[in-house]
N, C-alpha and C. Protein backbone atom coordinates (compact mmCIF):
# COMPACT_ATOMS: atom_id res chain seq x y z
N MET A 1 4.89 -16.19 -7.02
CA MET A 1 4.15 -15.87 -6.60
C MET A 1 3.71 -17.69 -5.53
N ASP A 2 4.58 -18.45 -5.27
CA ASP A 2 4.10 -19.41 -4.22
C ASP A 2 4.71 -18.73 -2.75
N ILE A 3 5.23 -17.40 -2.35
CA ILE A 3 5.38 -17.20 -1.05
C ILE A 3 4.03 -16.25 -1.13
N VAL A 4 3.61 -15.79 -1.77
CA VAL A 4 1.65 -15.05 -1.30
C VAL A 4 1.68 -16.39 -0.96
N LEU A 5 1.20 -17.37 -1.85
CA LEU A 5 0.33 -18.25 -1.73
C LEU A 5 0.80 -19.29 0.16
N LYS A 6 2.04 -18.49 0.14
CA LYS A 6 2.44 -19.53 1.72
C LYS A 6 1.24 -19.18 2.51
N TYR A 7 0.66 -17.76 2.82
CA TYR A 7 0.52 -17.26 3.62
C TYR A 7 -1.01 -16.87 3.16
N PHE A 8 -1.61 -16.55 1.89
CA PHE A 8 -3.10 -16.30 1.68
C PHE A 8 -3.02 -17.40 0.09
N SER A 9 -4.44 -17.98 0.70
CA SER A 9 -5.10 -18.81 0.15
C SER A 9 -6.09 -18.99 -0.02
N ASP A 10 -7.06 -18.18 -0.06
CA ASP A 10 -8.62 -17.59 -0.69
C ASP A 10 -8.70 -16.56 -1.50
N PHE A 11 -7.99 -17.56 -2.55
CA PHE A 11 -8.20 -16.05 -3.53
C PHE A 11 -9.33 -16.87 -5.13
N THR A 12 -9.81 -16.32 -5.08
CA THR A 12 -10.92 -16.35 -6.10
C THR A 12 -9.49 -16.59 -7.80
N GLU A 13 -10.18 -17.31 -8.91
CA GLU A 13 -9.55 -17.01 -9.76
C GLU A 13 -9.23 -15.83 -10.70
N GLU A 14 -10.00 -15.23 -10.50
CA GLU A 14 -9.53 -14.02 -11.09
C GLU A 14 -8.52 -13.26 -10.31
N GLN A 15 -8.19 -13.42 -9.47
CA GLN A 15 -7.27 -13.00 -8.31
C GLN A 15 -6.30 -13.42 -8.32
N LEU A 16 -6.04 -14.96 -8.82
CA LEU A 16 -5.05 -15.60 -8.78
C LEU A 16 -4.20 -15.14 -10.47
N THR A 17 -5.34 -15.11 -11.08
CA THR A 17 -4.52 -14.45 -12.48
C THR A 17 -4.13 -13.59 -12.50
N GLN A 18 -5.23 -12.34 -11.91
CA GLN A 18 -3.96 -11.02 -12.11
C GLN A 18 -2.80 -11.15 -11.01
N PHE A 19 -2.86 -11.74 -9.81
CA PHE A 19 -1.19 -11.85 -9.09
C PHE A 19 -0.16 -12.27 -9.86
N ARG A 20 -1.01 -13.23 -10.86
CA ARG A 20 -0.21 -14.14 -11.00
C ARG A 20 0.91 -13.42 -12.69
N LEU A 21 0.60 -12.62 -13.06
CA LEU A 21 0.44 -10.98 -14.54
C LEU A 21 1.68 -10.34 -13.90
N LEU A 22 1.26 -10.24 -12.88
CA LEU A 22 2.37 -9.08 -11.84
C LEU A 22 3.95 -9.28 -12.54
N GLU A 23 4.14 -10.23 -12.21
CA GLU A 23 5.43 -10.36 -12.57
C GLU A 23 6.07 -10.15 -14.28
N GLY A 24 5.48 -10.61 -15.30
CA GLY A 24 5.73 -10.76 -16.67
C GLY A 24 5.39 -9.02 -16.79
N LEU A 25 4.28 -8.54 -16.11
CA LEU A 25 3.62 -6.92 -16.72
C LEU A 25 5.16 -6.00 -15.99
N TYR A 26 5.85 -5.76 -14.91
CA TYR A 26 6.61 -5.35 -14.35
C TYR A 26 8.06 -5.47 -14.96
N LYS A 27 8.32 -6.87 -15.12
CA LYS A 27 9.73 -7.08 -15.87
C LYS A 27 9.64 -6.28 -17.21
N GLU A 28 8.47 -6.24 -18.01
CA GLU A 28 8.19 -6.03 -18.84
C GLU A 28 8.51 -4.37 -18.88
N TRP A 29 7.91 -3.73 -17.90
CA TRP A 29 8.12 -2.54 -17.96
C TRP A 29 9.25 -1.45 -17.21
N ASN A 30 9.57 -2.91 -16.40
CA ASN A 30 11.12 -2.06 -15.79
C ASN A 30 11.98 -1.95 -16.82
N GLU A 31 11.75 -3.21 -17.75
CA GLU A 31 12.78 -2.29 -19.29
C GLU A 31 12.82 -1.19 -19.51
N LYS A 32 12.13 -0.55 -19.70
CA LYS A 32 11.53 0.96 -20.14
C LYS A 32 11.28 1.70 -19.26
N ILE A 33 10.72 1.21 -18.31
CA ILE A 33 10.93 3.25 -17.47
C ILE A 33 11.54 2.02 -15.74
N ASN A 34 11.98 2.40 -14.87
CA ASN A 34 12.39 1.54 -13.94
C ASN A 34 11.50 2.57 -12.14
N VAL A 35 10.56 1.53 -12.48
CA VAL A 35 10.19 1.68 -11.39
C VAL A 35 9.98 1.02 -9.60
N ILE A 36 11.36 -0.39 -10.44
CA ILE A 36 11.43 -1.13 -9.15
C ILE A 36 13.23 -1.39 -9.04
N SER A 37 13.64 -1.56 -8.05
CA SER A 37 14.89 -1.46 -8.46
C SER A 37 15.42 -2.32 -8.61
N ARG A 38 16.02 -3.16 -9.74
CA ARG A 38 17.30 -3.98 -10.47
C ARG A 38 17.50 -5.10 -10.10
N LYS A 39 17.75 -4.77 -8.92
CA LYS A 39 18.23 -6.27 -7.87
C LYS A 39 17.17 -6.44 -7.25
N ASP A 40 16.61 -5.76 -7.02
CA ASP A 40 14.85 -6.84 -6.60
C ASP A 40 13.39 -7.15 -7.65
N ILE A 41 14.27 -7.06 -8.49
CA ILE A 41 12.93 -7.49 -9.40
C ILE A 41 12.57 -8.89 -9.41
N ASP A 42 13.64 -8.78 -9.68
CA ASP A 42 13.14 -11.42 -9.19
C ASP A 42 12.47 -11.28 -8.01
N SER A 43 12.34 -10.56 -6.76
CA SER A 43 11.92 -11.08 -5.80
C SER A 43 10.75 -9.80 -5.86
N LEU A 44 9.83 -10.46 -6.99
CA LEU A 44 8.95 -9.03 -6.93
C LEU A 44 7.42 -9.72 -6.29
N TYR A 45 7.38 -10.89 -5.94
CA TYR A 45 6.32 -11.36 -4.92
C TYR A 45 6.97 -11.24 -3.75
N GLU A 46 7.18 -12.00 -2.95
CA GLU A 46 8.19 -11.74 -1.46
C GLU A 46 8.64 -9.79 -1.34
N LYS A 47 9.21 -9.21 -2.13
CA LYS A 47 9.87 -8.18 -1.59
C LYS A 47 8.57 -6.24 -1.63
N HIS A 48 7.93 -7.26 -2.42
CA HIS A 48 6.62 -6.08 -2.80
C HIS A 48 5.47 -6.97 -3.05
N VAL A 49 5.03 -7.83 -3.36
CA VAL A 49 3.78 -8.56 -3.50
C VAL A 49 3.26 -8.34 -2.00
N LEU A 50 3.89 -9.60 -1.14
CA LEU A 50 3.48 -9.36 -0.16
C LEU A 50 3.96 -8.60 0.75
N HIS A 51 5.13 -8.03 0.66
CA HIS A 51 5.06 -7.00 1.51
C HIS A 51 3.73 -5.97 1.84
N SER A 52 3.68 -5.80 0.65
CA SER A 52 2.09 -4.71 0.34
C SER A 52 1.32 -5.41 1.50
N LEU A 53 0.91 -6.61 1.34
CA LEU A 53 0.07 -7.64 1.52
C LEU A 53 0.23 -8.10 3.49
N ALA A 54 1.00 -7.03 4.06
CA ALA A 54 0.78 -7.24 5.46
C ALA A 54 0.09 -6.22 6.01
N ILE A 55 -0.30 -5.08 4.90
CA ILE A 55 -1.35 -4.41 5.79
C ILE A 55 -2.62 -5.30 6.14
N ALA A 56 -2.69 -5.96 4.41
CA ALA A 56 -4.08 -6.69 4.59
C ALA A 56 -4.36 -7.60 5.55
N ALA A 57 -3.47 -8.04 6.28
CA ALA A 57 -2.65 -9.51 6.74
C ALA A 57 -2.75 -8.74 8.25
N LEU A 58 -3.55 -7.74 8.41
CA LEU A 58 -3.81 -7.04 9.54
C LEU A 58 -5.05 -6.34 9.62
N CYS A 59 -5.41 -5.85 8.16
CA CYS A 59 -6.66 -4.70 8.30
C CYS A 59 -7.39 -5.45 7.46
N ASN A 60 -8.69 -5.60 7.38
CA ASN A 60 -9.43 -6.42 6.79
C ASN A 60 -10.82 -5.08 6.35
N PHE A 61 -10.12 -4.11 4.89
CA PHE A 61 -11.33 -2.95 4.39
C PHE A 61 -12.49 -3.52 4.53
N ASP A 62 -13.75 -2.94 4.61
CA ASP A 62 -14.76 -3.21 4.47
C ASP A 62 -15.21 -2.76 3.06
N ASP A 63 -15.66 -3.80 2.93
CA ASP A 63 -16.61 -3.59 1.40
C ASP A 63 -16.79 -2.03 1.07
N GLY A 64 -16.79 -1.73 -0.03
CA GLY A 64 -17.35 0.44 -0.54
C GLY A 64 -16.05 0.99 0.65
N ALA A 65 -14.64 0.72 0.91
CA ALA A 65 -14.03 0.87 1.55
C ALA A 65 -13.62 2.52 0.29
N GLN A 66 -12.67 3.46 0.73
CA GLN A 66 -13.03 4.50 0.09
C GLN A 66 -10.73 4.46 0.60
N VAL A 67 -9.53 4.04 -0.30
CA VAL A 67 -8.67 4.29 0.41
C VAL A 67 -7.97 4.75 -0.69
N ILE A 68 -6.59 6.05 -0.31
CA ILE A 68 -5.76 6.44 -1.01
C ILE A 68 -4.06 5.96 -1.10
N ASP A 69 -3.63 5.57 -1.87
CA ASP A 69 -2.06 5.38 -1.82
C ASP A 69 -0.98 6.55 -2.07
N ILE A 70 -0.51 7.11 -0.80
CA ILE A 70 0.41 7.88 -1.33
C ILE A 70 1.37 7.50 -1.64
N GLY A 71 2.19 8.33 -2.70
CA GLY A 71 3.19 7.71 -3.36
C GLY A 71 3.36 6.92 -3.84
N THR A 72 2.56 6.15 -4.50
CA THR A 72 2.33 4.62 -4.92
C THR A 72 4.16 4.46 -5.62
N GLY A 73 4.90 4.84 -5.80
CA GLY A 73 5.65 4.57 -6.85
C GLY A 73 5.16 4.06 -8.24
N GLY A 74 5.71 2.38 -8.66
CA GLY A 74 5.47 1.51 -9.88
C GLY A 74 3.83 0.98 -9.31
N GLY A 75 3.13 1.56 -7.32
CA GLY A 75 1.93 0.77 -7.71
C GLY A 75 1.77 -0.29 -6.40
N PHE A 76 2.96 0.01 -5.28
CA PHE A 76 2.85 -0.76 -3.98
C PHE A 76 2.42 0.75 -2.61
N PRO A 77 1.69 -0.16 -1.48
CA PRO A 77 1.48 -1.17 -1.87
C PRO A 77 -0.37 -1.11 -2.60
N GLY A 78 -0.63 0.04 -3.37
CA GLY A 78 -1.61 -0.22 -3.73
C GLY A 78 -2.17 -1.45 -4.48
N ILE A 79 -2.11 -1.36 -5.48
CA ILE A 79 -2.20 -3.10 -6.40
C ILE A 79 -2.07 -4.00 -5.95
N PRO A 80 -1.16 -4.72 -5.50
CA PRO A 80 -1.43 -5.70 -4.69
C PRO A 80 -3.05 -5.69 -4.40
N LEU A 81 -3.61 -4.03 -3.13
CA LEU A 81 -3.68 -4.58 -1.51
C LEU A 81 -5.83 -4.21 -2.81
N ALA A 82 -5.72 -3.74 -4.25
CA ALA A 82 -6.82 -3.64 -4.58
C ALA A 82 -7.12 -4.57 -5.21
N ILE A 83 -6.01 -5.80 -5.52
CA ILE A 83 -6.75 -7.27 -6.36
C ILE A 83 -7.14 -7.87 -5.18
N PHE A 84 -6.24 -8.02 -4.14
CA PHE A 84 -6.68 -8.50 -2.42
C PHE A 84 -8.26 -8.05 -2.24
N PHE A 85 -8.57 -6.88 -2.03
CA PHE A 85 -9.97 -6.60 -2.27
C PHE A 85 -10.55 -5.76 -3.17
N PRO A 86 -11.13 -6.67 -4.14
CA PRO A 86 -12.31 -5.53 -5.29
C PRO A 86 -13.21 -5.53 -4.80
N LYS A 87 -13.58 -5.34 -3.90
CA LYS A 87 -14.97 -4.61 -3.32
C LYS A 87 -14.57 -3.32 -2.76
N VAL A 88 -13.12 -3.11 -2.72
CA VAL A 88 -12.56 -1.45 -1.85
C VAL A 88 -11.87 -1.05 -3.17
N ASP A 89 -12.56 0.88 -3.10
CA ASP A 89 -12.25 1.96 -4.19
C ASP A 89 -10.65 2.06 -4.49
N PHE A 90 -9.33 2.62 -4.65
CA PHE A 90 -7.75 2.59 -4.49
C PHE A 90 -8.42 3.76 -5.30
N LEU A 91 -7.64 4.73 -4.69
CA LEU A 91 -7.00 5.63 -5.60
C LEU A 91 -5.24 6.07 -5.56
N LEU A 92 -4.74 6.20 -6.92
CA LEU A 92 -3.26 5.66 -6.45
C LEU A 92 -2.49 6.92 -6.61
N THR A 93 -2.01 7.41 -6.23
CA THR A 93 -1.60 9.30 -6.50
C THR A 93 0.41 8.74 -6.29
N ASP A 94 1.07 9.86 -7.22
CA ASP A 94 2.47 9.80 -7.17
C ASP A 94 2.33 11.35 -8.05
N GLY A 95 3.71 11.29 -7.41
CA GLY A 95 3.92 12.98 -8.20
C GLY A 95 4.98 12.92 -9.43
N ILE A 96 5.54 11.30 -9.98
CA ILE A 96 5.96 11.06 -10.98
C ILE A 96 5.24 10.48 -12.15
N GLY A 97 5.12 11.64 -13.59
CA GLY A 97 4.52 11.20 -14.22
C GLY A 97 4.57 9.53 -14.31
N LYS A 98 6.17 9.52 -15.02
CA LYS A 98 6.18 8.18 -15.82
C LYS A 98 5.83 6.93 -14.74
N LYS A 99 5.32 6.83 -13.53
CA LYS A 99 5.80 6.07 -12.47
C LYS A 99 3.89 5.46 -12.74
N ILE A 100 3.11 6.25 -12.81
CA ILE A 100 1.87 6.60 -12.82
C ILE A 100 1.32 6.17 -14.30
N LYS A 101 2.21 5.93 -14.85
CA LYS A 101 1.46 5.57 -16.13
C LYS A 101 2.13 4.15 -16.30
N VAL A 102 3.10 3.91 -15.60
CA VAL A 102 2.97 2.26 -15.16
C VAL A 102 2.19 1.41 -14.01
N VAL A 103 1.66 2.35 -13.30
CA VAL A 103 0.51 1.97 -12.92
C VAL A 103 -0.63 2.05 -13.47
N GLN A 104 -1.21 2.17 -14.42
CA GLN A 104 -2.24 2.40 -15.30
C GLN A 104 -2.37 1.59 -15.21
N GLU A 105 -0.89 0.99 -16.93
CA GLU A 105 -0.92 0.38 -17.58
C GLU A 105 -1.23 -1.69 -16.99
N VAL A 106 -0.73 -1.06 -16.03
CA VAL A 106 -0.64 -2.76 -15.40
C VAL A 106 -1.83 -2.93 -14.74
N ALA A 107 -2.65 -1.93 -14.01
CA ALA A 107 -3.93 -2.09 -13.65
C ALA A 107 -5.10 -2.37 -14.72
N ASP A 108 -4.56 -1.65 -15.94
CA ASP A 108 -5.57 -1.96 -17.16
C ASP A 108 -5.20 -3.63 -18.02
N ALA A 109 -4.11 -3.52 -17.64
CA ALA A 109 -3.22 -5.29 -17.82
C ALA A 109 -3.79 -6.48 -17.25
N ILE A 110 -4.31 -5.83 -15.99
CA ILE A 110 -5.44 -7.04 -15.25
C ILE A 110 -6.66 -7.30 -15.28
N GLY A 111 -6.72 -6.17 -14.83
CA GLY A 111 -8.38 -5.95 -15.77
C GLY A 111 -8.66 -5.30 -14.03
N LEU A 112 -8.13 -4.36 -13.33
CA LEU A 112 -8.31 -3.95 -12.31
C LEU A 112 -9.32 -2.89 -12.20
N LYS A 113 -10.41 -3.19 -12.06
CA LYS A 113 -11.74 -1.89 -12.18
C LYS A 113 -11.69 -0.78 -10.99
N ASN A 114 -10.73 -1.44 -9.78
CA ASN A 114 -10.86 -0.52 -8.44
C ASN A 114 -9.92 0.12 -7.90
N VAL A 115 -8.67 0.26 -8.92
CA VAL A 115 -7.85 1.44 -9.27
C VAL A 115 -8.57 2.50 -10.38
N THR A 116 -7.79 4.12 -9.21
CA THR A 116 -7.52 5.37 -10.26
C THR A 116 -6.06 5.44 -9.90
N ALA A 117 -5.75 5.81 -11.13
CA ALA A 117 -3.59 6.57 -10.43
C ALA A 117 -4.25 7.73 -11.10
N VAL A 118 -3.82 8.48 -10.54
CA VAL A 118 -3.40 9.71 -10.60
C VAL A 118 -1.73 10.73 -10.47
N HIS A 119 -1.79 11.63 -11.83
CA HIS A 119 -0.31 12.05 -11.53
C HIS A 119 -0.58 12.90 -10.11
N GLY A 120 -0.18 13.35 -9.53
CA GLY A 120 0.21 14.76 -8.56
C GLY A 120 0.61 13.42 -7.23
N ARG A 121 0.36 14.81 -6.08
CA ARG A 121 0.46 14.68 -5.03
C ARG A 121 -0.48 14.36 -4.43
N ALA A 122 -0.79 13.78 -3.03
CA ALA A 122 -1.57 13.02 -2.48
C ALA A 122 -2.32 13.85 -1.42
N GLU A 123 -2.08 15.14 -0.95
CA GLU A 123 -2.28 16.11 -0.27
C GLU A 123 -3.21 17.06 -1.65
N GLU A 124 -2.95 17.26 -2.36
CA GLU A 124 -3.28 18.20 -3.42
C GLU A 124 -4.84 17.54 -4.05
N GLN A 125 -5.00 16.45 -3.65
CA GLN A 125 -6.77 15.72 -3.61
C GLN A 125 -8.02 16.41 -2.73
N LYS A 126 -7.98 17.40 -3.49
CA LYS A 126 -8.69 18.39 -2.34
C LYS A 126 -10.48 18.27 -2.56
N GLY A 127 -11.39 18.46 -2.17
CA GLY A 127 -12.80 18.14 -2.16
C GLY A 127 -12.78 16.55 -1.63
N ARG A 128 -11.72 15.95 -1.79
CA ARG A 128 -12.03 14.59 -1.51
C ARG A 128 -11.87 13.86 -0.35
N LYS A 129 -12.89 12.94 0.31
CA LYS A 129 -12.57 12.09 1.76
C LYS A 129 -12.09 10.57 1.51
N PHE A 130 -11.46 10.30 2.17
CA PHE A 130 -10.75 8.73 2.42
C PHE A 130 -11.29 8.23 3.71
N ASP A 131 -11.25 6.71 3.32
CA ASP A 131 -11.57 5.79 4.72
C ASP A 131 -10.08 5.53 5.30
N PHE A 132 -9.40 4.98 4.80
CA PHE A 132 -7.62 4.89 5.37
C PHE A 132 -6.88 4.92 3.96
N ALA A 133 -6.09 6.29 4.23
CA ALA A 133 -4.72 6.16 3.19
C ALA A 133 -3.24 4.64 3.53
N VAL A 134 -2.98 4.38 2.76
CA VAL A 134 -1.55 3.51 3.32
C VAL A 134 -0.62 4.14 1.81
N SER A 135 0.55 3.33 2.36
CA SER A 135 1.81 4.09 2.09
C SER A 135 3.12 3.42 2.15
N ARG A 136 4.14 3.66 1.44
CA ARG A 136 5.16 2.66 1.61
C ARG A 136 6.95 3.07 1.39
N ALA A 137 7.31 3.32 2.94
CA ALA A 137 8.53 4.65 2.92
C ALA A 137 8.37 5.63 1.93
N VAL A 138 7.81 6.54 1.78
CA VAL A 138 7.63 7.97 1.37
C VAL A 138 8.18 8.64 2.14
N ALA A 139 7.65 9.10 3.06
CA ALA A 139 8.03 9.62 3.49
C ALA A 139 8.14 9.80 5.45
N PRO A 140 8.79 10.51 5.79
CA PRO A 140 8.69 10.50 7.60
C PRO A 140 7.36 10.22 7.99
N LEU A 141 6.59 9.42 9.27
CA LEU A 141 5.35 9.66 9.52
C LEU A 141 4.90 10.42 9.96
N GLY A 142 5.65 11.98 10.13
CA GLY A 142 4.83 12.92 10.66
C GLY A 142 5.05 13.95 9.41
N ASP A 143 5.04 14.16 8.42
CA ASP A 143 5.15 14.30 7.09
C ASP A 143 3.66 14.03 6.19
N LEU A 144 3.71 12.38 6.35
CA LEU A 144 2.42 11.67 5.65
C LEU A 144 1.42 12.31 6.60
N TRP A 145 1.08 12.24 7.70
CA TRP A 145 -0.23 12.85 8.76
C TRP A 145 -0.74 13.97 8.44
N ARG A 146 0.87 14.64 8.39
CA ARG A 146 0.58 16.46 7.95
C ARG A 146 -0.56 16.98 6.41
N TRP A 147 0.20 15.61 5.79
CA TRP A 147 -0.04 15.61 4.19
C TRP A 147 -2.15 14.93 4.33
N ILE A 148 -1.68 14.06 4.97
CA ILE A 148 -3.22 12.98 4.66
C ILE A 148 -4.24 12.97 5.60
N ASN A 149 -3.84 13.74 6.94
CA ASN A 149 -5.11 13.67 8.15
C ASN A 149 -6.55 14.89 7.06
N PRO A 150 -6.06 15.57 6.55
CA PRO A 150 -6.83 17.07 6.17
C PRO A 150 -8.06 15.83 5.10
N LEU A 151 -7.64 15.36 4.86
CA LEU A 151 -8.47 14.14 3.56
C LEU A 151 -9.18 12.93 3.98
N LEU A 152 -8.35 12.62 5.52
CA LEU A 152 -10.10 11.30 6.24
C LEU A 152 -10.66 11.73 7.12
N ARG A 153 -11.59 11.19 6.69
CA ARG A 153 -12.97 11.10 7.39
C ARG A 153 -13.08 10.11 8.43
N VAL A 154 -13.74 10.93 9.39
CA VAL A 154 -13.98 9.82 11.20
C VAL A 154 -14.89 8.59 10.35
N GLY A 155 -14.67 7.23 11.07
CA GLY A 155 -15.50 6.52 11.25
C GLY A 155 -14.80 5.26 11.29
N GLN A 156 -15.06 3.98 10.56
CA GLN A 156 -14.68 2.92 10.94
C GLN A 156 -15.34 2.10 9.53
N LYS A 157 -14.53 1.39 8.52
CA LYS A 157 -14.64 1.10 7.99
C LYS A 157 -13.48 -0.59 7.59
N SER A 158 -13.19 -0.61 8.96
CA SER A 158 -12.65 -2.09 8.51
C SER A 158 -13.16 -2.26 10.42
N ASP A 159 -13.07 -3.83 10.33
CA ASP A 159 -13.69 -4.52 12.14
C ASP A 159 -12.36 -4.26 12.78
N GLU A 160 -11.28 -4.32 12.51
CA GLU A 160 -10.52 -4.04 13.06
C GLU A 160 -9.90 -2.73 13.86
N PHE A 161 -9.64 -1.71 12.79
CA PHE A 161 -8.95 -0.05 13.21
C PHE A 161 -10.23 0.68 12.76
N PRO A 162 -10.32 1.71 13.36
CA PRO A 162 -11.29 3.24 12.93
C PRO A 162 -10.03 3.82 11.80
N ASN A 163 -11.05 4.37 10.85
CA ASN A 163 -10.61 5.31 9.87
C ASN A 163 -8.64 5.45 9.93
N GLY A 164 -7.83 5.64 9.54
CA GLY A 164 -6.77 6.73 9.61
C GLY A 164 -5.27 5.84 8.76
N LEU A 165 -4.32 6.36 8.88
CA LEU A 165 -3.37 5.95 8.31
C LEU A 165 -2.18 4.22 8.77
N ILE A 166 -1.99 3.79 7.25
CA ILE A 166 -1.21 2.46 7.57
C ILE A 166 0.02 2.52 6.68
N CYS A 167 0.98 2.56 7.10
CA CYS A 167 2.09 2.79 6.54
C CYS A 167 3.15 1.73 6.49
N LEU A 168 4.21 1.04 5.86
CA LEU A 168 5.41 0.48 5.54
C LEU A 168 5.96 1.05 5.76
N LYS A 169 6.97 0.69 6.86
CA LYS A 169 8.01 1.14 6.76
C LYS A 169 10.02 0.48 7.47
N GLY A 170 10.69 1.03 7.10
CA GLY A 170 11.81 -0.29 7.71
C GLY A 170 12.41 0.66 8.63
N GLY A 171 13.80 -0.52 9.82
CA GLY A 171 14.82 0.40 10.13
C GLY A 171 14.10 0.26 11.86
N ASP A 172 15.21 1.51 12.29
CA ASP A 172 14.92 2.16 13.65
C ASP A 172 13.72 2.80 13.75
N LEU A 173 12.59 3.15 14.13
CA LEU A 173 11.52 3.73 13.85
C LEU A 173 11.59 5.26 14.74
N ASN A 174 12.40 5.04 15.85
CA ASN A 174 12.02 5.32 17.46
C ASN A 174 11.85 6.72 17.50
N ASN A 175 13.50 7.64 16.95
CA ASN A 175 13.08 8.58 16.28
C ASN A 175 11.81 8.99 15.02
N GLU A 176 11.64 8.59 14.73
CA GLU A 176 10.93 9.60 13.75
C GLU A 176 9.18 9.60 14.50
N ILE A 177 9.00 8.58 15.13
CA ILE A 177 7.69 8.11 16.05
C ILE A 177 7.61 9.31 16.41
N ASN A 178 8.86 9.72 17.14
CA ASN A 178 9.00 10.82 18.90
C ASN A 178 8.81 12.51 17.84
N GLU A 179 9.36 12.24 16.95
CA GLU A 179 9.47 13.60 16.00
C GLU A 179 8.37 13.61 14.97
N SER A 180 7.32 12.50 15.34
CA SER A 180 5.80 12.88 14.82
C SER A 180 5.05 13.80 15.67
N GLY A 181 4.86 13.56 16.72
CA GLY A 181 4.21 14.15 17.71
C GLY A 181 2.99 13.18 17.76
N LEU A 182 3.28 12.23 17.38
CA LEU A 182 2.19 11.06 17.79
C LEU A 182 2.37 10.09 18.02
N LYS A 183 3.38 10.09 19.39
CA LYS A 183 3.84 8.79 19.72
C LYS A 183 3.14 7.70 20.27
N LYS A 184 1.88 9.20 21.40
CA LYS A 184 0.11 8.46 22.11
C LYS A 184 -0.02 7.85 21.08
N ILE A 185 -0.45 7.70 20.06
CA ILE A 185 -1.64 7.27 19.26
C ILE A 185 -0.88 6.31 18.63
N VAL A 186 0.48 6.58 18.17
CA VAL A 186 0.69 5.14 16.56
C VAL A 186 0.84 4.13 17.67
N GLN A 187 0.04 3.24 16.47
CA GLN A 187 0.64 0.97 16.91
C GLN A 187 1.68 0.95 15.95
N ALA A 188 2.68 -0.08 16.06
CA ALA A 188 3.02 -0.33 15.50
C ALA A 188 3.48 -2.39 15.30
N TRP A 189 3.61 -2.98 14.90
CA TRP A 189 3.78 -4.00 14.73
C TRP A 189 5.16 -4.66 13.38
N LYS A 190 5.64 -5.95 13.39
CA LYS A 190 6.64 -6.27 12.85
C LYS A 190 5.74 -7.21 12.28
N VAL A 191 6.15 -6.42 10.56
CA VAL A 191 6.41 -7.47 9.84
C VAL A 191 7.00 -8.85 9.52
N HIS A 192 7.33 -9.14 9.83
CA HIS A 192 8.54 -10.72 10.78
C HIS A 192 7.23 -11.29 11.26
N ASP A 193 6.75 -10.84 12.21
CA ASP A 193 5.92 -11.76 13.31
C ASP A 193 4.80 -11.95 11.78
N VAL A 194 4.57 -11.26 11.34
CA VAL A 194 3.13 -11.59 10.51
C VAL A 194 3.51 -12.21 9.13
N PHE A 195 4.90 -12.25 8.57
CA PHE A 195 5.69 -13.06 7.51
C PHE A 195 7.03 -13.40 8.02
N PRO A 196 7.24 -15.10 9.15
CA PRO A 196 8.18 -15.09 9.27
C PRO A 196 9.08 -14.91 8.20
N GLU A 197 9.83 -13.90 7.15
CA GLU A 197 10.36 -14.20 6.06
C GLU A 197 12.36 -13.07 6.68
N PRO A 198 13.10 -13.82 6.06
CA PRO A 198 14.29 -13.06 6.35
C PRO A 198 13.92 -11.61 5.83
N ALA A 199 13.30 -11.47 4.52
CA ALA A 199 13.31 -10.23 4.17
C ALA A 199 12.50 -9.01 4.68
N PHE A 200 11.93 -9.99 6.08
CA PHE A 200 10.84 -8.63 6.96
C PHE A 200 11.55 -8.33 8.33
N GLU A 201 12.69 -8.99 8.53
CA GLU A 201 13.62 -8.11 9.91
C GLU A 201 12.86 -7.29 11.02
N GLU A 202 13.70 -6.13 9.54
CA GLU A 202 13.61 -4.79 10.01
C GLU A 202 12.41 -4.22 9.41
N LYS A 203 11.17 -4.70 8.96
CA LYS A 203 9.68 -3.90 8.40
C LYS A 203 8.97 -3.96 9.45
N PHE A 204 8.03 -2.87 9.69
CA PHE A 204 7.24 -2.66 10.32
C PHE A 204 6.12 -2.14 10.06
N VAL A 205 4.87 -2.27 9.84
CA VAL A 205 2.96 -1.59 9.86
C VAL A 205 3.03 -0.52 10.99
N ILE A 206 2.76 0.60 10.36
CA ILE A 206 2.89 2.28 11.15
C ILE A 206 0.64 1.88 11.08
N TYR A 207 0.22 2.13 12.74
CA TYR A 207 -0.89 2.70 12.46
C TYR A 207 -1.25 4.19 13.12
N VAL A 208 -2.24 5.05 12.27
CA VAL A 208 -2.24 5.50 12.90
C VAL A 208 -3.72 6.48 12.75
N PRO A 209 -4.65 6.13 14.43
CA PRO A 209 -6.22 6.28 14.09
C PRO A 209 -6.68 8.04 13.32
N LYS A 210 -7.20 8.16 12.59
CA LYS A 210 -8.19 9.69 12.48
C LYS A 210 -9.09 9.56 13.88
N LEU A 211 -8.77 10.35 14.49
CA LEU A 211 -8.88 10.87 16.03
C LEU A 211 -10.62 11.99 15.94
N ILE A 212 -10.14 13.08 15.25
CA ILE A 212 -11.22 14.41 15.21
C ILE A 212 -10.76 14.31 14.11
């Protein structure tokens, strides 16, 4: 938890409690259902919570914004973001039912009222519209954009960016961005520039705006 407080300090007591509860809950659930790499579970706050909050460091979602997490896995980046933005509505989706069970159990245990967990693919959320989509290492950028673009509404529910897709990725992304067909509109930031920790040296935040 100290690694999170190194970069963020303006939390309510409720938020601090929610963040602190994550470690015990994820360790308990990880013994039953492997949702986090066992080698990473002891680095939960750095490699999962703080990594997720790189999105919050760059983009402040407006109160009332609606955000979908594509392929949330064990709840990242959605759960840390939902704690950080208690007045933003988050829909966390994943195609693996047991992972969504963990997400719902964790959200319920820490009293997150702004999270809905759904077993299913993000692109199956017919009739829904969202201001932003977030994701972490789920699929190539072109696939993510194809899935989520129809579900995003044009607008701006953040002071920093128009509505769009914000995803966390790692490694050399040149080919992936070129192959996505989005090169002219993609923006990228090094997570290491935001949080200068060794774990983030090859991590990036990628943003694609919803233009039409």
